């Protein structure tokens, strides 16, 4: 039988609360930088950048100009700022052209000018500026290799910022001596602004030697031009103590932690005891699912460590090491593994979804699962274990009507997981 409608409606309401708390319009007005004596230039990149630009326009009472780049289908109308679209998660020529324009925009500014950087998750792919000796094809191959490696987002971005002309604080360095105010919608565990979108305006202490070690550790095969650059000490990103960053500011205005708090408040109103496990969970999606399932089973069968009715909430970003050629993102893969681990268990239902509305490269945000999911998959002719082995979770959940489809949400604070135990 399908999950009880009441449980599913509750799960959706928790997701909606989390996404609403991360909407840029709520946060930008409270984090406006001081007005400059000179020009105000707005630049930005990420899945939420268009909505951030729209909110900044509405809140800013002075002149401004600039542009942001977002994923195809994520644009929002702006009156004074230009919004461009490009490919994600693998960059394309439109992203490279948009990035060149961003870099040109911040050139030739003075100390009286202000650059406002609107940064959100997804910016790493959208800001395509291949490093010295590299081409767009090399950057595309680099991104594809990183995505297939199973490496966490912090590792991927530590490598990316060494192989780019804009990441790792380089965009802010180009803007000097102008003051740069960065507003961040964080999609990374721990909310380090130097990691979000590979930190185009935030320098990092990570080194090229560390990036080389990570490439070796995760067995990432780099395109030859990228390997050559990473093996050299050419064109290093600026360091945090670079004087060009002395007047700059950075504010994280939305994050998974804040969104989970909002979902917890909704759960309390619904009569459930919320438990926020963590806003920074990383690891292989199928392994993280087993841990979540074990906790849900303990609550369902023994009322420990939390008493029913309860909802377990978590955020962060899991990863998927590609083993097969199926369809599905990390949240669907998490739920497929979760469904097998709670097979036959009554009173447990779960939603896992990406807060940007897109799970990987498919059209769903995530999916639903409960103790009947595995049985219903087998009845539909799908072996859940084989689907998981082939990274084909999307196909599995589509077959039983359990995909969760929202469309673009206008924000991105990464994964959202809610498990209701009654």
Protein backbone atom coordinates (compact mmCIF):
# COMPACT_ATOMS: atom_id res chain seq x y z
CA UNK A 1 0.00 0.00 0.00
CA UNK A 2 1.15 3.58 -0.59
CA UNK A 3 2.34 5.66 2.32
CA UNK A 4 -0.50 7.15 4.36
CA UNK A 5 -1.44 10.51 2.79
CA UNK A 6 -1.21 12.24 6.19
CA UNK A 7 2.43 11.23 6.64
CA UNK A 8 3.29 12.30 3.12
CA UNK A 9 1.58 15.66 3.56
CA UNK A 10 3.51 16.18 6.78
CA UNK A 11 6.80 15.35 5.09
CA UNK A 12 6.07 17.86 2.33
CA UNK A 13 5.17 20.53 4.89
CA UNK A 14 8.53 20.00 6.59
CA UNK A 15 10.35 20.35 3.27
CA UNK A 16 8.34 23.46 2.40
CA UNK A 17 9.28 25.08 5.72
CA UNK A 18 12.94 24.33 5.15
CA UNK A 19 12.88 25.81 1.66
CA UNK A 20 10.90 28.88 2.76
CA UNK A 21 13.49 29.67 5.44
CA UNK A 22 16.21 29.60 2.79
CA UNK A 23 14.51 31.99 0.38
CA UNK A 24 16.85 34.93 -0.39
CA UNK A 25 14.07 37.51 0.00
CA UNK A 26 13.92 36.77 3.72
CA UNK A 27 17.63 37.22 4.34
CA UNK A 28 19.08 39.77 1.95
CA UNK A 29 17.30 42.85 3.31
CA UNK A 30 18.81 42.15 6.74
CA UNK A 31 22.34 41.86 5.33
CA UNK A 32 22.75 44.84 3.01
CA UNK A 33 26.28 46.32 2.91
CA UNK A 34 26.86 50.04 3.48
CA UNK A 35 26.28 52.28 0.45
CA UNK A 36 29.49 53.18 -1.40
CA UNK A 37 30.62 56.62 -2.53
CA UNK A 38 31.09 55.19 -6.02
CA UNK A 39 29.42 52.53 -8.15
CA UNK A 40 27.60 49.39 -6.99
CA UNK A 41 28.35 46.34 -9.13
CA UNK A 42 26.41 43.13 -8.52
CA UNK A 43 27.83 39.80 -9.63
CA UNK A 44 26.73 36.31 -8.72
CA UNK A 45 26.55 32.63 -9.57
CA UNK A 46 24.61 29.62 -8.36
CA UNK A 47 21.23 27.97 -8.41
CA UNK A 48 19.78 30.72 -6.19
CA UNK A 49 21.61 33.66 -7.78
CA UNK A 50 18.66 34.94 -9.84
CA UNK A 51 16.36 35.00 -6.82
CA UNK A 52 19.14 36.63 -4.80
CA UNK A 53 19.53 39.30 -7.49
CA UNK A 54 15.78 39.89 -7.52
CA UNK A 55 15.74 40.29 -3.74
CA UNK A 56 18.77 42.58 -3.73
CA UNK A 57 17.18 44.83 -6.37
CA UNK A 58 14.07 45.17 -4.26
CA UNK A 59 16.02 46.02 -1.11
CA UNK A 60 18.70 48.35 -2.55
CA UNK A 61 17.67 52.00 -2.75
CA UNK A 62 20.59 53.25 -4.82
CA UNK A 63 21.90 52.80 -8.36
CA UNK A 64 23.33 49.42 -9.29
CA UNK A 65 24.41 47.38 -12.29
CA UNK A 66 25.69 43.90 -12.98
CA UNK A 67 24.79 40.34 -13.85
CA UNK A 68 24.43 36.89 -12.34
CA UNK A 69 24.55 33.42 -13.87
CA UNK A 70 22.26 30.59 -12.87
CA UNK A 71 21.29 27.13 -14.07
CA UNK A 72 19.07 26.70 -17.13
CA UNK A 73 15.45 27.05 -16.05
CA UNK A 74 16.30 28.89 -12.81
CA UNK A 75 16.10 32.50 -14.05
CA UNK A 76 13.93 35.13 -12.34
CA UNK A 77 12.93 38.50 -13.80
CA UNK A 78 15.07 41.46 -12.71
CA UNK A 79 14.63 45.12 -13.66
CA UNK A 80 18.20 46.38 -13.39
CA UNK A 81 20.40 43.29 -13.25
CA UNK A 82 21.02 40.88 -16.09
CA UNK A 83 20.39 37.18 -15.51
CA UNK A 84 22.20 34.63 -17.68
CA UNK A 85 21.71 30.87 -17.75
CA UNK A 86 24.26 28.11 -18.21
CA UNK A 87 24.73 24.38 -17.68
CA UNK A 88 25.02 22.51 -14.39
CA UNK A 89 26.58 20.21 -13.17
CA UNK A 90 28.97 20.10 -16.16
CA UNK A 91 29.86 23.58 -17.51
CA UNK A 92 29.18 24.73 -21.07
CA UNK A 93 30.15 27.53 -23.43
CA UNK A 94 27.36 29.78 -22.12
CA UNK A 95 28.83 29.51 -18.62
CA UNK A 96 32.30 30.31 -19.91
CA UNK A 97 31.02 33.39 -21.77
CA UNK A 98 29.06 34.57 -18.71
CA UNK A 99 32.11 34.11 -16.51
CA UNK A 100 34.25 36.23 -18.83
CA UNK A 101 31.68 39.00 -18.60
CA UNK A 102 31.64 38.79 -14.79
CA UNK A 103 35.41 39.11 -14.72
CA UNK A 104 35.30 42.10 -17.07
CA UNK A 105 32.63 43.79 -14.95
CA UNK A 106 34.86 43.97 -11.89
CA UNK A 107 37.90 45.24 -13.74
CA UNK A 108 39.06 48.86 -13.45
CA UNK A 109 37.14 49.69 -10.27
CA UNK A 110 38.26 52.13 -7.59
CA UNK A 111 38.41 52.08 -3.80
CA UNK A 112 35.12 54.04 -3.75
CA UNK A 113 33.26 51.27 -5.57
CA UNK A 114 31.37 48.31 -4.10
CA UNK A 115 31.07 44.82 -5.56
CA UNK A 116 28.21 42.73 -4.15
CA UNK A 117 28.75 39.02 -4.79
CA UNK A 118 25.63 36.83 -4.58
CA UNK A 119 26.95 33.30 -4.19
CA UNK A 120 25.06 30.04 -3.87
CA UNK A 121 25.53 26.34 -4.49
CA UNK A 122 26.03 25.30 -8.10
CA UNK A 123 28.34 28.21 -8.81
CA UNK A 124 31.35 25.94 -9.24
CA UNK A 125 29.99 24.55 -12.51
CA UNK A 126 28.38 27.80 -13.65
CA UNK A 127 31.61 29.79 -13.28
CA UNK A 128 33.58 28.21 -16.10
CA UNK A 129 37.03 29.78 -16.35
CA UNK A 130 39.62 27.10 -17.17
CA UNK A 131 43.01 27.59 -15.56
CA UNK A 132 46.25 28.29 -17.41
CA UNK A 133 46.78 25.86 -20.28
CA UNK A 134 43.29 24.36 -19.92
CA UNK A 135 40.30 24.55 -22.26
CA UNK A 136 36.57 24.37 -21.62
CA UNK A 137 36.71 20.71 -22.65
CA UNK A 138 39.31 20.14 -19.95
CA UNK A 139 37.10 21.80 -17.33
CA UNK A 140 34.14 19.72 -18.47
CA UNK A 141 36.20 16.53 -18.18
CA UNK A 142 37.42 17.66 -14.75
CA UNK A 143 33.87 18.19 -13.49
CA UNK A 144 32.70 14.86 -14.85
CA UNK A 145 35.60 13.07 -13.15
CA UNK A 146 34.94 14.81 -9.84
CA UNK A 147 31.22 14.03 -9.93
CA UNK A 148 31.88 10.34 -10.62
CA UNK A 149 34.53 10.00 -7.91
CA UNK A 150 32.27 9.96 -4.86
CA UNK A 151 34.38 12.70 -3.27
CA UNK A 152 32.58 15.09 -0.89
CA UNK A 153 31.86 18.63 -2.03
CA UNK A 154 34.69 20.12 0.02
CA UNK A 155 37.21 17.87 -1.70
CA UNK A 156 35.84 18.61 -5.17
CA UNK A 157 35.93 22.35 -4.60
CA UNK A 158 39.44 22.27 -3.10
CA UNK A 159 40.61 20.81 -6.40
CA UNK A 160 38.49 23.08 -8.59
CA UNK A 161 39.78 26.31 -7.04
CA UNK A 162 43.36 25.36 -7.97
CA UNK A 163 42.41 24.92 -11.63
CA UNK A 164 40.40 28.06 -12.36
CA UNK A 165 40.88 31.73 -13.19
CA UNK A 166 37.91 32.84 -11.02
CA UNK A 167 37.53 30.44 -8.09
CA UNK A 168 39.46 30.50 -4.82
CA UNK A 169 39.09 34.25 -4.24
CA UNK A 170 40.32 35.25 -7.67
CA UNK A 171 37.17 37.21 -8.59
CA UNK A 172 37.53 39.43 -5.53
CA UNK A 173 41.22 39.90 -6.30
CA UNK A 174 40.28 41.13 -9.78
CA UNK A 175 37.90 43.65 -8.21
CA UNK A 176 40.56 45.26 -5.98
CA UNK A 177 40.79 47.98 -4.78
CA UNK A 178 36.97 47.98 -4.70
CA UNK A 179 35.32 46.68 -1.53
CA UNK A 180 33.64 43.28 -1.99
CA UNK A 181 30.62 42.23 0.09
CA UNK A 182 29.73 38.57 -0.36
CA UNK A 183 26.29 37.22 0.56
CA UNK A 184 26.17 33.43 0.65
CA UNK A 185 23.36 30.88 0.52
CA UNK A 186 25.31 27.89 1.79
CA UNK A 187 24.88 24.40 0.39
CA UNK A 188 27.96 22.88 2.02
CA UNK A 189 28.34 20.98 5.30
CA UNK A 190 29.80 23.34 7.88
CA UNK A 191 28.81 26.47 5.91
CA UNK A 192 32.39 27.51 5.09
CA UNK A 193 31.91 30.36 2.55
CA UNK A 194 35.28 29.53 0.98
CA UNK A 195 33.79 26.19 -0.12
CA UNK A 196 30.42 27.39 -1.51
CA UNK A 197 30.75 27.65 -5.32
CA UNK A 198 34.50 27.15 -4.77
CA UNK A 199 34.71 30.57 -3.15
CA UNK A 200 35.08 33.00 -6.08
CA UNK A 201 35.37 35.95 -3.68
CA UNK A 202 36.65 34.16 -0.57
CA UNK A 203 40.31 33.08 -0.39
CA UNK A 204 41.23 29.72 1.05
CA UNK A 205 44.25 28.45 2.94
CA UNK A 206 44.21 25.18 0.97
CA UNK A 207 47.29 24.55 -1.15
CA UNK A 208 48.03 22.94 -4.48
CA UNK A 209 49.97 20.21 -2.72
CA UNK A 210 46.84 19.37 -0.69
CA UNK A 211 44.78 19.27 -3.89
CA UNK A 212 47.27 16.85 -5.44
CA UNK A 213 46.99 14.62 -2.37
CA UNK A 214 43.18 14.61 -2.64
CA UNK A 215 43.31 13.68 -6.31
CA UNK A 216 45.49 10.71 -5.44
CA UNK A 217 43.43 9.74 -2.40
CA UNK A 218 40.16 9.58 -4.36
CA UNK A 219 41.69 8.09 -7.51
CA UNK A 220 40.53 10.98 -9.70
CA UNK A 221 41.80 10.84 -13.28
CA UNK A 222 42.39 14.42 -14.41
CA UNK A 223 42.60 15.55 -18.03
CA UNK A 224 46.29 16.03 -18.97
CA UNK A 225 46.17 19.84 -19.02
CA UNK A 226 44.56 19.95 -15.56
CA UNK A 227 47.10 17.45 -14.21
CA UNK A 228 49.94 19.56 -15.60
CA UNK A 229 48.63 22.73 -13.95
CA UNK A 230 47.98 20.99 -10.64
CA UNK A 231 51.51 19.58 -10.73
CA UNK A 232 53.00 23.05 -11.05
CA UNK A 233 53.06 26.15 -8.88
CA UNK A 234 51.80 28.46 -11.62
CA UNK A 235 48.91 30.90 -11.11
CA UNK A 236 48.27 30.07 -7.48
CA UNK A 237 45.07 31.41 -5.90
CA UNK A 238 45.42 34.31 -3.43
CA UNK A 239 45.93 33.56 0.24
CA UNK A 240 43.64 34.78 3.06
CA UNK A 241 46.28 37.26 4.26
CA UNK A 242 46.42 39.00 0.87
CA UNK A 243 45.93 42.74 1.55
CA UNK A 244 43.45 43.00 -1.33
CA UNK A 245 40.86 41.29 0.93
CA UNK A 246 41.33 43.53 3.97
CA UNK A 247 38.15 45.60 3.47
CA UNK A 248 35.94 42.78 2.24
CA UNK A 249 33.04 41.17 4.13
CA UNK A 250 31.29 37.79 3.97
CA UNK A 251 27.88 36.82 5.40
CA UNK A 252 26.16 33.42 5.25
CA UNK A 253 22.50 34.45 4.98
CA UNK A 254 20.86 31.03 4.54
CA UNK A 255 22.00 27.53 5.45
CA UNK A 256 20.89 23.99 6.16
CA UNK A 257 21.07 24.64 9.90
CA UNK A 258 18.53 27.45 9.72
CA UNK A 259 16.27 25.42 7.42
CA UNK A 260 16.29 22.41 9.72
CA UNK A 261 15.31 24.66 12.62
CA UNK A 262 12.31 25.85 10.59
CA UNK A 263 11.27 22.28 9.78
CA UNK A 264 11.61 21.33 13.45
CA UNK A 265 9.21 24.12 14.42
CA UNK A 266 6.60 22.76 11.99
CA UNK A 267 7.06 19.26 13.41
CA UNK A 268 6.41 20.48 16.95
CA UNK A 269 3.22 22.18 15.82
CA UNK A 270 2.13 18.86 14.30
CA UNK A 271 2.68 17.08 17.62
CA UNK A 272 5.95 15.34 16.77
CA UNK A 273 9.20 15.55 18.70
CA UNK A 274 11.88 16.73 16.23
CA UNK A 275 15.48 15.52 16.46
CA UNK A 276 18.02 17.32 14.28
CA UNK A 277 20.74 14.72 13.76
CA UNK A 278 23.11 17.06 11.92
CA UNK A 279 23.15 19.74 9.22
CA UNK A 280 26.55 18.55 7.92
CA UNK A 281 26.19 14.85 7.07
CA UNK A 282 28.50 13.58 4.34
CA UNK A 283 29.36 10.14 3.00
CA UNK A 284 28.17 7.61 0.47
CA UNK A 285 24.38 7.98 0.14
CA UNK A 286 23.61 4.28 0.52
CA UNK A 287 25.78 4.01 3.66
CA UNK A 288 24.30 7.15 5.24
CA UNK A 289 20.87 5.63 4.52
CA UNK A 290 21.70 2.51 6.53
CA UNK A 291 22.60 4.60 9.58
CA UNK A 292 19.40 6.67 9.30
CA UNK A 293 17.35 3.48 8.89
CA UNK A 294 18.96 1.90 11.94
CA UNK A 295 18.04 4.95 14.03
CA UNK A 296 14.48 4.97 12.71
CA UNK A 297 14.13 1.26 13.50
CA UNK A 298 15.41 1.83 17.05
CA UNK A 299 12.85 4.58 17.61
CA UNK A 300 10.03 2.53 16.07
CA UNK A 301 10.73 -0.64 18.04
CA UNK A 302 12.18 0.60 21.33
CA UNK A 303 11.34 4.30 21.68
CA UNK A 304 15.02 5.16 21.93
CA UNK A 305 16.98 7.37 21.69
CA UNK A 306 13.80 9.37 20.96
CA UNK A 307 10.21 8.58 21.91
CA UNK A 308 7.49 8.32 19.27
CA UNK A 309 5.95 10.18 17.59
CA UNK A 310 9.17 11.69 16.34
CA UNK A 311 10.76 13.06 13.21
CA UNK A 312 14.46 12.68 12.45
CA UNK A 313 15.85 15.62 10.46
CA UNK A 314 19.22 15.94 8.76
CA UNK A 315 21.02 17.94 6.11
CA UNK A 316 24.39 18.09 4.40
CA UNK A 317 25.46 16.51 1.14
CA UNK A 318 25.89 12.82 0.51
CA UNK A 319 27.75 11.47 -2.50
CA UNK A 320 27.29 8.68 -5.02
CA UNK A 321 30.13 6.68 -6.49
CA UNK A 322 28.88 5.69 -9.93
CA UNK A 323 28.87 1.94 -10.44
CA UNK A 324 26.11 1.58 -13.01
CA UNK A 325 24.50 3.57 -15.80
CA UNK A 326 21.04 4.09 -14.33
CA UNK A 327 19.19 7.30 -13.53
CA UNK A 328 18.96 8.99 -10.18
CA UNK A 329 20.52 11.51 -7.82
CA UNK A 330 21.95 11.10 -4.34
CA UNK A 331 18.62 11.62 -2.52
CA UNK A 332 16.81 8.95 -4.52
CA UNK A 333 19.76 6.60 -3.98
CA UNK A 334 19.65 7.34 -0.24
CA UNK A 335 15.95 6.46 -0.14
CA UNK A 336 16.31 3.26 -2.13
CA UNK A 337 18.90 1.99 0.34
CA UNK A 338 16.74 3.26 3.22
CA UNK A 339 13.68 1.45 1.86
CA UNK A 340 15.50 -1.88 1.82
CA UNK A 341 16.76 -1.33 5.37
CA UNK A 342 13.23 -0.65 6.74
CA UNK A 343 11.46 -3.24 4.59
CA UNK A 344 8.34 -4.42 6.44
CA UNK A 345 8.65 -1.88 9.27
CA UNK A 346 5.37 -0.16 10.13
CA UNK A 347 5.01 3.49 11.07
CA UNK A 348 8.11 4.83 9.31
CA UNK A 349 7.98 7.15 6.31
CA UNK A 350 10.71 9.32 4.81
CA UNK A 351 11.39 12.09 2.34
CA UNK A 352 14.83 12.99 1.02
CA UNK A 353 15.18 15.82 -1.46
CA UNK A 354 17.52 18.49 -2.71
CA UNK A 355 16.34 21.92 -1.57
CA UNK A 356 17.01 23.38 -5.03
CA UNK A 357 14.30 21.13 -6.48
CA UNK A 358 16.60 18.97 -8.62
CA UNK A 359 18.17 15.73 -7.44
CA UNK A 360 21.31 15.42 -9.55
CA UNK A 361 20.41 15.81 -13.21
CA UNK A 362 16.82 14.50 -13.17
CA UNK A 363 13.52 16.40 -12.94
CA UNK A 364 12.68 15.36 -9.36
CA UNK A 365 13.74 16.91 -6.08
CA UNK A 366 13.82 13.50 -4.41
CA UNK A 367 11.38 10.76 -3.45
CA UNK A 368 9.33 9.16 -0.67
CA UNK A 369 9.97 5.82 1.00
CA UNK A 370 8.48 3.71 3.80
CA UNK A 371 8.30 0.16 5.05
CA UNK A 372 6.21 -0.91 2.04
CA UNK A 373 8.45 0.57 -0.67
CA UNK A 374 10.66 -2.47 -1.29
CA UNK A 375 7.62 -4.76 -1.47
CA UNK A 376 5.86 -2.45 -3.90
CA UNK A 377 8.97 -2.26 -6.07
CA UNK A 378 9.16 -6.05 -6.28
CA UNK A 379 5.45 -6.19 -7.14
CA UNK A 380 6.17 -3.74 -9.99
CA UNK A 381 8.85 -6.07 -11.34
CA UNK A 382 11.83 -4.13 -9.99
CA UNK A 383 14.52 -5.72 -7.87
CA UNK A 384 15.49 -2.91 -5.44
CA UNK A 385 18.94 -4.39 -4.84
CA UNK A 386 19.67 -4.53 -8.56
CA UNK A 387 18.37 -0.98 -9.00
CA UNK A 388 20.69 0.24 -6.26
CA UNK A 389 23.65 -1.62 -7.75
CA UNK A 390 22.98 0.08 -11.09
CA UNK A 391 22.45 3.59 -9.61
CA UNK A 392 18.91 3.44 -11.01
CA UNK A 393 16.86 4.82 -8.12
CA UNK A 394 14.95 7.32 -10.27
CA UNK A 395 13.56 4.55 -12.47
CA UNK A 396 12.60 2.53 -9.41
CA UNK A 397 10.67 5.31 -7.68
CA UNK A 398 9.07 6.44 -10.93
CA UNK A 399 7.65 2.93 -11.41
CA UNK A 400 5.65 3.15 -8.15
CA UNK A 401 4.75 6.84 -8.33
CA UNK A 402 6.91 7.89 -5.38
CA UNK A 403 9.06 10.58 -6.97
CA UNK A 404 8.88 14.01 -5.32
CA UNK A 405 8.74 16.72 -8.00
CA UNK A 406 8.78 20.42 -7.09
CA UNK A 407 10.54 22.22 -9.93
CA UNK A 408 13.21 24.84 -9.15
CA UNK A 409 12.70 26.29 -5.66
CA UNK A 410 14.79 29.46 -5.98
CA UNK A 411 17.26 28.49 -3.29
CA UNK A 412 19.80 25.80 -2.44
CA UNK A 413 20.91 24.68 1.02
CA UNK A 414 21.56 21.16 -0.17
CA UNK A 415 20.00 17.90 1.00
CA UNK A 416 16.96 17.74 3.28
CA UNK A 417 15.96 14.48 4.95
CA UNK A 418 12.95 13.89 7.19
CA UNK A 419 11.95 10.53 8.67
CA UNK A 420 8.64 10.35 10.54
CA UNK A 421 8.28 7.56 13.10
CA UNK A 422 4.83 7.11 14.63
